[in-house]
Amino acid sequence: MFISNAYAQAAGAGAGAENGLMSFLPLVLMFVVLYFVMIRPQMKRQKEQRAMIDALKKNDEVVTVGGVIGRVTAVSESYVTLEIADKVEVKVQKNAVSVVLPTGTIKSA
């Protein structure tokens, strides 16, 4: 007497599946935007960094991630030897090189 009957709302055939797909559309769109805004540019930067490290050669002037400026005197598979002052050489990992400077930058600094 105090409780009224509840009846299920009639849904059209297939409307439930269509509604389910439409509810995931914003989530899929967010992942697509995330890919193009964050993931793809990061992959491009990594590719450019790898190409720069692979192209290192003797007499290149570089800056390391620690801010050390030097001239490349030797290149091995994993390491680069930098001359940071007259007769002062430091061996660093190739990954520690952040920027290759234009030739002649060290002399002008």
PDB file of N, CA and C in Angstrom:
ATOM      1  N   MET A   1       0.788  -1.187   0.000  1.00  0.00           N
ATOM      2  CA  MET A   1       0.000   0.000   0.000  1.00  0.00           C
ATOM      3  C   MET A   1       0.845   1.272   0.000  1.00  0.00           C
ATOM      4  N   PHE A   2       1.871   1.263   0.827  1.00  0.00           N
ATOM      5  CA  PHE A   2       2.687   2.465   0.910  1.00  0.00           C
ATOM      6  C   PHE A   2       3.763   2.517  -0.180  1.00  0.00           C
ATOM      7  N   ILE A   3       4.087   1.377  -0.766  1.00  0.00           N
ATOM      8  CA  ILE A   3       5.125   1.311  -1.787  1.00  0.00           C
ATOM      9  C   ILE A   3       4.449   1.160  -3.139  1.00  0.00           C
ATOM     10  N   SER A   4       4.823   2.053  -4.071  1.00  0.00           N
ATOM     11  CA  SER A   4       4.230   1.960  -5.401  1.00  0.00           C
ATOM     12  C   SER A   4       5.093   1.039  -6.272  1.00  0.00           C
ATOM     13  N   ASN A   5       4.501   0.499  -7.285  1.00  0.00           N
ATOM     14  CA  ASN A   5       5.204  -0.402  -8.191  1.00  0.00           C
ATOM     15  C   ASN A   5       6.142   0.400  -9.102  1.00  0.00           C
ATOM     16  N   ALA A   6       7.337  -0.163  -9.349  1.00  0.00           N
ATOM     17  CA  ALA A   6       8.298   0.464 -10.252  1.00  0.00           C
ATOM     18  C   ALA A   6       8.358  -0.367 -11.511  1.00  0.00           C
ATOM     19  N   TYR A   7       8.283   0.310 -12.648  1.00  0.00           N
ATOM     20  CA  TYR A   7       8.300  -0.390 -13.922  1.00  0.00           C
ATOM     21  C   TYR A   7       9.553   0.025 -14.693  1.00  0.00           C
ATOM     22  N   ALA A   8      10.166  -0.930 -15.356  1.00  0.00           N
ATOM     23  CA  ALA A   8      11.361  -0.646 -16.151  1.00  0.00           C
ATOM     24  C   ALA A   8      10.963   0.117 -17.404  1.00  0.00           C
ATOM     25  N   GLN A   9      11.824   1.039 -17.777  1.00  0.00           N
ATOM     26  CA  GLN A   9      11.547   1.811 -18.975  1.00  0.00           C
ATOM     27  C   GLN A   9      11.915   0.968 -20.187  1.00  0.00           C
ATOM     28  N   ALA A  10      11.075   0.952 -21.150  1.00  0.00           N
ATOM     29  CA  ALA A  10      11.314   0.149 -22.347  1.00  0.00           C
ATOM     30  C   ALA A  10      12.360   0.836 -23.213  1.00  0.00           C
ATOM     31  N   ALA A  11      13.398   0.078 -23.574  1.00  0.00           N
ATOM     32  CA  ALA A  11      14.458   0.618 -24.420  1.00  0.00           C
ATOM     33  C   ALA A  11      14.328   0.002 -25.796  1.00  0.00           C
ATOM     34  N   GLY A  12      14.725   0.783 -26.808  1.00  0.00           N
ATOM     35  CA  GLY A  12      14.664   0.269 -28.173  1.00  0.00           C
ATOM     36  C   GLY A  12      15.733  -0.796 -28.367  1.00  0.00           C
ATOM     37  N   ALA A  13      15.543  -1.643 -29.347  1.00  0.00           N
ATOM     38  CA  ALA A  13      16.495  -2.705 -29.624  1.00  0.00           C
ATOM     39  C   ALA A  13      17.799  -2.098 -30.127  1.00  0.00           C
ATOM     40  N   GLY A  14      18.918  -2.370 -29.449  1.00  0.00           N
ATOM     41  CA  GLY A  14      20.221  -1.871 -29.870  1.00  0.00           C
ATOM     42  C   GLY A  14      20.560  -0.492 -29.317  1.00  0.00           C
ATOM     43  N   ALA A  15      19.638   0.192 -28.707  1.00  0.00           N
ATOM     44  CA  ALA A  15      19.919   1.531 -28.183  1.00  0.00           C
ATOM     45  C   ALA A  15      20.893   1.464 -27.009  1.00  0.00           C
ATOM     46  N   GLY A  16      20.878   0.370 -26.257  1.00  0.00           N
ATOM     47  CA  GLY A  16      21.796   0.226 -25.124  1.00  0.00           C
ATOM     48  C   GLY A  16      23.243   0.118 -25.581  1.00  0.00           C
ATOM     49  N   ALA A  17      23.490  -0.601 -26.658  1.00  0.00           N
ATOM     50  CA  ALA A  17      24.847  -0.750 -27.174  1.00  0.00           C
ATOM     51  C   ALA A  17      25.342   0.574 -27.747  1.00  0.00           C
ATOM     52  N   GLU A  18      24.473   1.302 -28.387  1.00  0.00           N
ATOM     53  CA  GLU A  18      24.844   2.601 -28.962  1.00  0.00           C
ATOM     54  C   GLU A  18      25.167   3.591 -27.844  1.00  0.00           C
ATOM     55  N   ASN A  19      24.390   3.564 -26.795  1.00  0.00           N
ATOM     56  CA  ASN A  19      24.644   4.435 -25.639  1.00  0.00           C
ATOM     57  C   ASN A  19      25.965   4.090 -24.976  1.00  0.00           C
ATOM     58  N   GLY A  20      26.303   2.813 -24.884  1.00  0.00           N
ATOM     59  CA  GLY A  20      27.551   2.376 -24.277  1.00  0.00           C
ATOM     60  C   GLY A  20      28.762   2.866 -25.048  1.00  0.00           C
ATOM     61  N   LEU A  21      28.704   2.802 -26.369  1.00  0.00           N
ATOM     62  CA  LEU A  21      29.809   3.290 -27.203  1.00  0.00           C
ATOM     63  C   LEU A  21      29.944   4.801 -27.112  1.00  0.00           C
ATOM     64  N   MET A  22      28.833   5.498 -27.065  1.00  0.00           N
ATOM     65  CA  MET A  22      28.874   6.963 -26.987  1.00  0.00           C
ATOM     66  C   MET A  22      29.423   7.435 -25.643  1.00  0.00           C
ATOM     67  N   SER A  23      29.277   6.638 -24.601  1.00  0.00           N
ATOM     68  CA  SER A  23      29.806   7.043 -23.298  1.00  0.00           C
ATOM     69  C   SER A  23      31.339   6.916 -23.260  1.00  0.00           C
ATOM     70  N   PHE A  24      31.923   6.053 -24.095  1.00  0.00           N
ATOM     71  CA  PHE A  24      33.379   5.900 -24.147  1.00  0.00           C
ATOM     72  C   PHE A  24      34.046   6.864 -25.131  1.00  0.00           C
ATOM     73  N   LEU A  25      33.265   7.525 -25.961  1.00  0.00           N
ATOM     74  CA  LEU A  25      33.814   8.434 -26.961  1.00  0.00           C
ATOM     75  C   LEU A  25      34.652   9.564 -26.346  1.00  0.00           C
ATOM     76  N   PRO A  26      34.205  10.250 -25.290  1.00  0.00           N
ATOM     77  CA  PRO A  26      35.061  11.294 -24.691  1.00  0.00           C
ATOM     78  C   PRO A  26      36.385  10.754 -24.163  1.00  0.00           C
ATOM     79  N   LEU A  27      36.369   9.552 -23.600  1.00  0.00           N
ATOM     80  CA  LEU A  27      37.596   8.945 -23.090  1.00  0.00           C
ATOM     81  C   LEU A  27      38.572   8.651 -24.227  1.00  0.00           C
ATOM     82  N   VAL A  28      38.073   8.124 -25.315  1.00  0.00           N
ATOM     83  CA  VAL A  28      38.911   7.838 -26.476  1.00  0.00           C
ATOM     84  C   VAL A  28      39.470   9.144 -27.054  1.00  0.00           C
ATOM     85  N   LEU A  29      38.652  10.170 -27.134  1.00  0.00           N
ATOM     86  CA  LEU A  29      39.102  11.467 -27.648  1.00  0.00           C
ATOM     87  C   LEU A  29      40.181  12.071 -26.753  1.00  0.00           C
ATOM     88  N   MET A  30      40.075  11.887 -25.446  1.00  0.00           N
ATOM     89  CA  MET A  30      41.098  12.397 -24.532  1.00  0.00           C
ATOM     90  C   MET A  30      42.436  11.708 -24.791  1.00  0.00           C
ATOM     91  N   PHE A  31      42.435  10.412 -25.015  1.00  0.00           N
ATOM     92  CA  PHE A  31      43.677   9.690 -25.291  1.00  0.00           C
ATOM     93  C   PHE A  31      44.281  10.104 -26.636  1.00  0.00           C
ATOM     94  N   VAL A  32      43.460  10.371 -27.621  1.00  0.00           N
ATOM     95  CA  VAL A  32      43.956  10.826 -28.923  1.00  0.00           C
ATOM     96  C   VAL A  32      44.619  12.192 -28.776  1.00  0.00           C
ATOM     97  N   VAL A  33      43.969  13.110 -28.058  1.00  0.00           N
ATOM     98  CA  VAL A  33      44.545  14.442 -27.837  1.00  0.00           C
ATOM     99  C   VAL A  33      45.823  14.323 -27.020  1.00  0.00           C
ATOM    100  N   LEU A  34      45.845  13.482 -25.995  1.00  0.00           N
ATOM    101  CA  LEU A  34      47.035  13.268 -25.177  1.00  0.00           C
ATOM    102  C   LEU A  34      48.191  12.760 -26.034  1.00  0.00           C
ATOM    103  N   TYR A  35      47.919  11.877 -26.965  1.00  0.00           N
ATOM    104  CA  TYR A  35      48.960  11.352 -27.839  1.00  0.00           C
ATOM    105  C   TYR A  35      49.578  12.462 -28.679  1.00  0.00           C
ATOM    106  N   PHE A  36      48.737  13.279 -29.303  1.00  0.00           N
ATOM    107  CA  PHE A  36      49.255  14.315 -30.191  1.00  0.00           C
ATOM    108  C   PHE A  36      49.855  15.500 -29.452  1.00  0.00           C
ATOM    109  N   VAL A  37      49.442  15.747 -28.219  1.00  0.00           N
ATOM    110  CA  VAL A  37      49.950  16.906 -27.478  1.00  0.00           C
ATOM    111  C   VAL A  37      51.185  16.562 -26.651  1.00  0.00           C
ATOM    112  N   MET A  38      51.258  15.351 -26.103  1.00  0.00           N
ATOM    113  CA  MET A  38      52.352  15.025 -25.193  1.00  0.00           C
ATOM    114  C   MET A  38      53.269  13.917 -25.694  1.00  0.00           C
ATOM    115  N   ILE A  39      52.734  12.805 -26.088  1.00  0.00           N
ATOM    116  CA  ILE A  39      53.540  11.627 -26.385  1.00  0.00           C
ATOM    117  C   ILE A  39      54.307  11.791 -27.697  1.00  0.00           C
ATOM    118  N   ARG A  40      53.655  12.230 -28.750  1.00  0.00           N
ATOM    119  CA  ARG A  40      54.311  12.346 -30.050  1.00  0.00           C
ATOM    120  C   ARG A  40      55.450  13.369 -30.045  1.00  0.00           C
ATOM    121  N   PRO A  41      55.271  14.577 -29.480  1.00  0.00           N
ATOM    122  CA  PRO A  41      56.407  15.513 -29.435  1.00  0.00           C
ATOM    123  C   PRO A  41      57.582  14.987 -28.614  1.00  0.00           C
ATOM    124  N   GLN A  42      57.304  14.264 -27.529  1.00  0.00           N
ATOM    125  CA  GLN A  42      58.373  13.698 -26.714  1.00  0.00           C
ATOM    126  C   GLN A  42      59.154  12.657 -27.501  1.00  0.00           C
ATOM    127  N   MET A  43      58.468  11.829 -28.260  1.00  0.00           N
ATOM    128  CA  MET A  43      59.149  10.827 -29.080  1.00  0.00           C
ATOM    129  C   MET A  43      60.008  11.502 -30.151  1.00  0.00           C
ATOM    130  N   LYS A  44      59.520  12.617 -30.701  1.00  0.00           N
ATOM    131  CA  LYS A  44      60.292  13.356 -31.702  1.00  0.00           C
ATOM    132  C   LYS A  44      61.559  13.934 -31.084  1.00  0.00           C
ATOM    133  N   ARG A  45      61.454  14.497 -29.873  1.00  0.00           N
ATOM    134  CA  ARG A  45      62.639  15.042 -29.190  1.00  0.00           C
ATOM    135  C   ARG A  45      63.649  13.946 -28.894  1.00  0.00           C
ATOM    136  N   GLN A  46      63.177  12.785 -28.453  1.00  0.00           N
ATOM    137  CA  GLN A  46      64.086  11.664 -28.183  1.00  0.00           C
ATOM    138  C   GLN A  46      64.809  11.226 -29.453  1.00  0.00           C
ATOM    139  N   LYS A  47      64.114  11.202 -30.562  1.00  0.00           N
ATOM    140  CA  LYS A  47      64.713  10.812 -31.838  1.00  0.00           C
ATOM    141  C   LYS A  47      65.781  11.821 -32.255  1.00  0.00           C
ATOM    142  N   GLU A  48      65.508  13.118 -32.089  1.00  0.00           N
ATOM    143  CA  GLU A  48      66.489  14.150 -32.421  1.00  0.00           C
ATOM    144  C   GLU A  48      67.705  14.063 -31.514  1.00  0.00           C
ATOM    145  N   GLN A  49      67.486  13.810 -30.220  1.00  0.00           N
ATOM    146  CA  GLN A  49      68.593  13.681 -29.255  1.00  0.00           C
ATOM    147  C   GLN A  49      69.477  12.490 -29.622  1.00  0.00           C
ATOM    148  N   ARG A  50      68.857  11.361 -29.969  1.00  0.00           N
ATOM    149  CA  ARG A  50      69.602  10.160 -30.354  1.00  0.00           C
ATOM    150  C   ARG A  50      70.433  10.428 -31.604  1.00  0.00           C
ATOM    151  N   ALA A  51      69.863  11.138 -32.584  1.00  0.00           N
ATOM    152  CA  ALA A  51      70.590  11.454 -33.816  1.00  0.00           C
ATOM    153  C   ALA A  51      71.773  12.374 -33.517  1.00  0.00           C
ATOM    154  N   MET A  52      71.594  13.350 -32.610  1.00  0.00           N
ATOM    155  CA  MET A  52      72.676  14.259 -32.253  1.00  0.00           C
ATOM    156  C   MET A  52      73.807  13.497 -31.569  1.00  0.00           C
ATOM    157  N   ILE A  53      73.480  12.595 -30.662  1.00  0.00           N
ATOM    158  CA  ILE A  53      74.497  11.817 -29.947  1.00  0.00           C
ATOM    159  C   ILE A  53      75.236  10.885 -30.903  1.00  0.00           C
ATOM    160  N   ASP A  54      74.511  10.278 -31.825  1.00  0.00           N
ATOM    161  CA  ASP A  54      75.161   9.381 -32.790  1.00  0.00           C
ATOM    162  C   ASP A  54      76.080  10.139 -33.751  1.00  0.00           C
ATOM    163  N   ALA A  55      75.813  11.424 -33.966  1.00  0.00           N
ATOM    164  CA  ALA A  55      76.606  12.215 -34.905  1.00  0.00           C
ATOM    165  C   ALA A  55      77.793  12.914 -34.244  1.00  0.00           C
ATOM    166  N   LEU A  56      78.027  12.694 -32.948  1.00  0.00           N
ATOM    167  CA  LEU A  56      79.162  13.339 -32.279  1.00  0.00           C
ATOM    168  C   LEU A  56      80.472  12.890 -32.902  1.00  0.00           C
ATOM    169  N   LYS A  57      81.386  13.862 -33.094  1.00  0.00           N
ATOM    170  CA  LYS A  57      82.695  13.543 -33.656  1.00  0.00           C
ATOM    171  C   LYS A  57      83.750  14.417 -32.988  1.00  0.00           C
ATOM    172  N   LYS A  58      84.987  14.106 -33.248  1.00  0.00           N
ATOM    173  CA  LYS A  58      86.107  14.830 -32.664  1.00  0.00           C
ATOM    174  C   LYS A  58      86.033  16.307 -33.069  1.00  0.00           C
ATOM    175  N   ASN A  59      86.389  17.189 -32.127  1.00  0.00           N
ATOM    176  CA  ASN A  59      86.414  18.641 -32.276  1.00  0.00           C
ATOM    177  C   ASN A  59      85.042  19.301 -32.236  1.00  0.00           C
ATOM    178  N   ASP A  60      83.973  18.550 -31.975  1.00  0.00           N
ATOM    179  CA  ASP A  60      82.672  19.179 -31.728  1.00  0.00           C
ATOM    180  C   ASP A  60      82.724  19.876 -30.380  1.00  0.00           C
ATOM    181  N   GLU A  61      82.051  21.001 -30.265  1.00  0.00           N
ATOM    182  CA  GLU A  61      81.960  21.710 -28.991  1.00  0.00           C
ATOM    183  C   GLU A  61      80.579  21.436 -28.413  1.00  0.00           C
ATOM    184  N   VAL A  62      80.549  20.971 -27.161  1.00  0.00           N
ATOM    185  CA  VAL A  62      79.299  20.509 -26.564  1.00  0.00           C
ATOM    186  C   VAL A  62      79.109  21.079 -25.160  1.00  0.00           C
ATOM    187  N   VAL A  63      77.862  20.985 -24.701  1.00  0.00           N
ATOM    188  CA  VAL A  63      77.508  21.303 -23.327  1.00  0.00           C
ATOM    189  C   VAL A  63      76.876  20.057 -22.733  1.00  0.00           C
ATOM    190  N   THR A  64      77.306  19.681 -21.523  1.00  0.00           N
ATOM    191  CA  THR A  64      76.734  18.510 -20.859  1.00  0.00           C
ATOM    192  C   THR A  64      75.518  18.931 -20.041  1.00  0.00           C
ATOM    193  N   VAL A  65      74.780  17.946 -19.539  1.00  0.00           N
ATOM    194  CA  VAL A  65      73.612  18.246 -18.725  1.00  0.00           C
ATOM    195  C   VAL A  65      74.003  18.936 -17.420  1.00  0.00           C
ATOM    196  N   GLY A  66      75.245  18.785 -16.992  1.00  0.00           N
ATOM    197  CA  GLY A  66      75.733  19.464 -15.796  1.00  0.00           C
ATOM    198  C   GLY A  66      76.219  20.874 -16.060  1.00  0.00           C
ATOM    199  N   GLY A  67      76.198  21.301 -17.325  1.00  0.00           N
ATOM    200  CA  GLY A  67      76.616  22.652 -17.674  1.00  0.00           C
ATOM    201  C   GLY A  67      78.080  22.791 -18.026  1.00  0.00           C
ATOM    202  N   VAL A  68      78.796  21.687 -18.144  1.00  0.00           N
ATOM    203  CA  VAL A  68      80.216  21.727 -18.496  1.00  0.00           C
ATOM    204  C   VAL A  68      80.337  21.905 -20.003  1.00  0.00           C
ATOM    205  N   ILE A  69      81.134  22.910 -20.406  1.00  0.00           N
ATOM    206  CA  ILE A  69      81.369  23.167 -21.821  1.00  0.00           C
ATOM    207  C   ILE A  69      82.736  22.606 -22.183  1.00  0.00           C
ATOM    208  N   GLY A  70      82.804  21.888 -23.290  1.00  0.00           N
ATOM    209  CA  GLY A  70      84.079  21.316 -23.681  1.00  0.00           C
ATOM    210  C   GLY A  70      84.128  20.936 -25.141  1.00  0.00           C
ATOM    211  N   ARG A  71      85.321  20.571 -25.587  1.00  0.00           N
ATOM    212  CA  ARG A  71      85.553  20.136 -26.966  1.00  0.00           C
ATOM    213  C   ARG A  71      85.790  18.628 -26.946  1.00  0.00           C
ATOM    214  N   VAL A  72      85.140  17.923 -27.848  1.00  0.00           N
ATOM    215  CA  VAL A  72      85.259  16.470 -27.920  1.00  0.00           C
ATOM    216  C   VAL A  72      86.646  16.117 -28.452  1.00  0.00           C
ATOM    217  N   THR A  73      87.370  15.267 -27.684  1.00  0.00           N
ATOM    218  CA  THR A  73      88.690  14.814 -28.128  1.00  0.00           C
ATOM    219  C   THR A  73      88.687  13.350 -28.531  1.00  0.00           C
ATOM    220  N   ALA A  74      87.737  12.583 -28.026  1.00  0.00           N
ATOM    221  CA  ALA A  74      87.638  11.162 -28.382  1.00  0.00           C
ATOM    222  C   ALA A  74      86.197  10.709 -28.200  1.00  0.00           C
ATOM    223  N   VAL A  75      85.774   9.805 -29.069  1.00  0.00           N
ATOM    224  CA  VAL A  75      84.422   9.258 -29.003  1.00  0.00           C
ATOM    225  C   VAL A  75      84.526   7.743 -29.005  1.00  0.00           C
ATOM    226  N   SER A  76      83.913   7.109 -27.999  1.00  0.00           N
ATOM    227  CA  SER A  76      83.841   5.648 -27.987  1.00  0.00           C
ATOM    228  C   SER A  76      82.370   5.249 -28.072  1.00  0.00           C
ATOM    229  N   GLU A  77      82.102   3.970 -27.866  1.00  0.00           N
ATOM    230  CA  GLU A  77      80.734   3.484 -28.016  1.00  0.00           C
ATOM    231  C   GLU A  77      79.777   4.133 -27.014  1.00  0.00           C
ATOM    232  N   SER A  78      80.198   4.260 -25.758  1.00  0.00           N
ATOM    233  CA  SER A  78      79.314   4.784 -24.717  1.00  0.00           C
ATOM    234  C   SER A  78      79.791   6.087 -24.100  1.00  0.00           C
ATOM    235  N   TYR A  79      81.058   6.440 -24.343  1.00  0.00           N
ATOM    236  CA  TYR A  79      81.644   7.590 -23.662  1.00  0.00           C
ATOM    237  C   TYR A  79      82.224   8.594 -24.649  1.00  0.00           C
ATOM    238  N   VAL A  80      82.308   9.840 -24.169  1.00  0.00           N
ATOM    239  CA  VAL A  80      82.919  10.926 -24.922  1.00  0.00           C
ATOM    240  C   VAL A  80      83.949  11.566 -24.005  1.00  0.00           C
ATOM    241  N   THR A  81      85.125  11.844 -24.518  1.00  0.00           N
ATOM    242  CA  THR A  81      86.152  12.539 -23.746  1.00  0.00           C
ATOM    243  C   THR A  81      86.123  14.003 -24.158  1.00  0.00           C
ATOM    244  N   LEU A  82      85.972  14.886 -23.154  1.00  0.00           N
ATOM    245  CA  LEU A  82      85.892  16.318 -23.402  1.00  0.00           C
ATOM    246  C   LEU A  82      87.117  17.014 -22.843  1.00  0.00           C
ATOM    247  N   GLU A  83      87.640  17.956 -23.595  1.00  0.00           N
ATOM    248  CA  GLU A  83      88.707  18.817 -23.099  1.00  0.00           C
ATOM    249  C   GLU A  83      88.015  20.092 -22.604  1.00  0.00           C
ATOM    250  N   ILE A  84      88.042  20.302 -21.274  1.00  0.00           N
ATOM    251  CA  ILE A  84      87.346  21.447 -20.698  1.00  0.00           C
ATOM    252  C   ILE A  84      88.284  22.618 -20.432  1.00  0.00           C
ATOM    253  N   ALA A  85      89.587  22.377 -20.433  1.00  0.00           N
ATOM    254  CA  ALA A  85      90.623  23.413 -20.310  1.00  0.00           C
ATOM    255  C   ALA A  85      91.879  22.832 -20.930  1.00  0.00           C
ATOM    256  N   ASP A  86      92.938  23.639 -21.013  1.00  0.00           N
ATOM    257  CA  ASP A  86      94.183  23.132 -21.574  1.00  0.00           C
ATOM    258  C   ASP A  86      94.691  21.955 -20.753  1.00  0.00           C
ATOM    259  N   LYS A  87      94.866  20.808 -21.398  1.00  0.00           N
ATOM    260  CA  LYS A  87      95.384  19.583 -20.791  1.00  0.00           C
ATOM    261  C   LYS A  87      94.503  19.044 -19.651  1.00  0.00           C
ATOM    262  N   VAL A  88      93.230  19.412 -19.641  1.00  0.00           N
ATOM    263  CA  VAL A  88      92.277  18.881 -18.656  1.00  0.00           C
ATOM    264  C   VAL A  88      91.167  18.187 -19.437  1.00  0.00           C
ATOM    265  N   GLU A  89      91.092  16.860 -19.298  1.00  0.00           N
ATOM    266  CA  GLU A  89      90.094  16.092 -20.028  1.00  0.00           C
ATOM    267  C   GLU A  89      89.184  15.356 -19.052  1.00  0.00           C
ATOM    268  N   VAL A  90      87.931  15.260 -19.434  1.00  0.00           N
ATOM    269  CA  VAL A  90      86.918  14.595 -18.622  1.00  0.00           C
ATOM    270  C   VAL A  90      86.193  13.598 -19.514  1.00  0.00           C
ATOM    271  N   LYS A  91      85.967  12.407 -18.989  1.00  0.00           N
ATOM    272  CA  LYS A  91      85.232  11.391 -19.742  1.00  0.00           C
ATOM    273  C   LYS A  91      83.798  11.355 -19.197  1.00  0.00           C
ATOM    274  N   VAL A  92      82.831  11.517 -20.097  1.00  0.00           N
ATOM    275  CA  VAL A  92      81.416  11.504 -19.708  1.00  0.00           C
ATOM    276  C   VAL A  92      80.657  10.530 -20.603  1.00  0.00           C
ATOM    277  N   GLN A  93      79.492  10.119 -20.144  1.00  0.00           N
ATOM    278  CA  GLN A  93      78.642   9.277 -20.967  1.00  0.00           C
ATOM    279  C   GLN A  93      78.075  10.099 -22.118  1.00  0.00           C
ATOM    280  N   LYS A  94      77.826   9.443 -23.220  1.00  0.00           N
ATOM    281  CA  LYS A  94      77.262  10.158 -24.375  1.00  0.00           C
ATOM    282  C   LYS A  94      75.909  10.778 -24.038  1.00  0.00           C
ATOM    283  N   ASN A  95      75.138  10.099 -23.203  1.00  0.00           N
ATOM    284  CA  ASN A  95      73.821  10.615 -22.835  1.00  0.00           C
ATOM    285  C   ASN A  95      73.896  11.909 -22.037  1.00  0.00           C
ATOM    286  N   ALA A  96      75.067  12.227 -21.487  1.00  0.00           N
ATOM    287  CA  ALA A  96      75.215  13.445 -20.706  1.00  0.00           C
ATOM    288  C   ALA A  96      75.376  14.672 -21.596  1.00  0.00           C
ATOM    289  N   VAL A  97      75.575  14.492 -22.884  1.00  0.00           N
ATOM    290  CA  VAL A  97      75.701  15.625 -23.803  1.00  0.00           C
ATOM    291  C   VAL A  97      74.297  16.129 -24.123  1.00  0.00           C
ATOM    292  N   SER A  98      74.074  17.422 -23.846  1.00  0.00           N
ATOM    293  CA  SER A  98      72.741  17.966 -24.094  1.00  0.00           C
ATOM    294  C   SER A  98      72.659  18.802 -25.358  1.00  0.00           C
ATOM    295  N   VAL A  99      73.756  19.529 -25.702  1.00  0.00           N
ATOM    296  CA  VAL A  99      73.714  20.422 -26.861  1.00  0.00           C
ATOM    297  C   VAL A  99      75.059  20.381 -27.575  1.00  0.00           C
ATOM    298  N   VAL A 100      75.021  20.382 -28.892  1.00  0.00           N
ATOM    299  CA  VAL A 100      76.228  20.569 -29.688  1.00  0.00           C
ATOM    300  C   VAL A 100      76.245  22.035 -30.101  1.00  0.00           C
ATOM    301  N   LEU A 101      77.323  22.733 -29.723  1.00  0.00           N
ATOM    302  CA  LEU A 101      77.444  24.159 -30.003  1.00  0.00           C
ATOM    303  C   LEU A 101      78.039  24.392 -31.383  1.00  0.00           C
ATOM    304  N   PRO A 102      77.795  25.582 -31.950  1.00  0.00           N
ATOM    305  CA  PRO A 102      78.468  25.921 -33.213  1.00  0.00           C
ATOM    306  C   PRO A 102      79.980  26.007 -33.000  1.00  0.00           C
ATOM    307  N   THR A 103      80.742  25.670 -34.017  1.00  0.00           N
ATOM    308  CA  THR A 103      82.208  25.692 -33.916  1.00  0.00           C
ATOM    309  C   THR A 103      82.688  27.111 -33.622  1.00  0.00           C
ATOM    310  N   GLY A 104      83.616  27.228 -32.675  1.00  0.00           N
ATOM    311  CA  GLY A 104      84.173  28.526 -32.298  1.00  0.00           C
ATOM    312  C   GLY A 104      83.485  29.172 -31.109  1.00  0.00           C
ATOM    313  N   THR A 105      82.498  28.538 -30.554  1.00  0.00           N
ATOM    314  CA  THR A 105      81.764  29.097 -29.426  1.00  0.00           C
ATOM    315  C   THR A 105      82.627  29.171 -28.175  1.00  0.00           C
ATOM    316  N   ILE A 106      83.466  28.163 -27.952  1.00  0.00           N
ATOM    317  CA  ILE A 106      84.297  28.116 -26.728  1.00  0.00           C
ATOM    318  C   ILE A 106      85.319  29.243 -26.742  1.00  0.00           C
ATOM    319  N   LYS A 107      85.912  29.542 -27.864  1.00  0.00           N
ATOM    320  CA  LYS A 107      86.918  30.598 -27.934  1.00  0.00           C
ATOM    321  C   LYS A 107      86.313  31.965 -27.638  1.00  0.00           C
ATOM    322  N   SER A 108      85.044  32.169 -28.035  1.00  0.00           N
ATOM    323  CA  SER A 108      84.410  33.464 -27.816  1.00  0.00           C
ATOM    324  C   SER A 108      83.866  33.622 -26.417  1.00  0.00           C
ATOM    325  N   ALA A 109      83.745  32.526 -25.664  1.00  0.00           N
ATOM    326  CA  ALA A 109      83.168  32.580 -24.316  1.00  0.00           C
ATOM    327  C   ALA A 109      84.126  33.079 -23.290  1.00  0.00           C
TER     328      ALA A 109
END
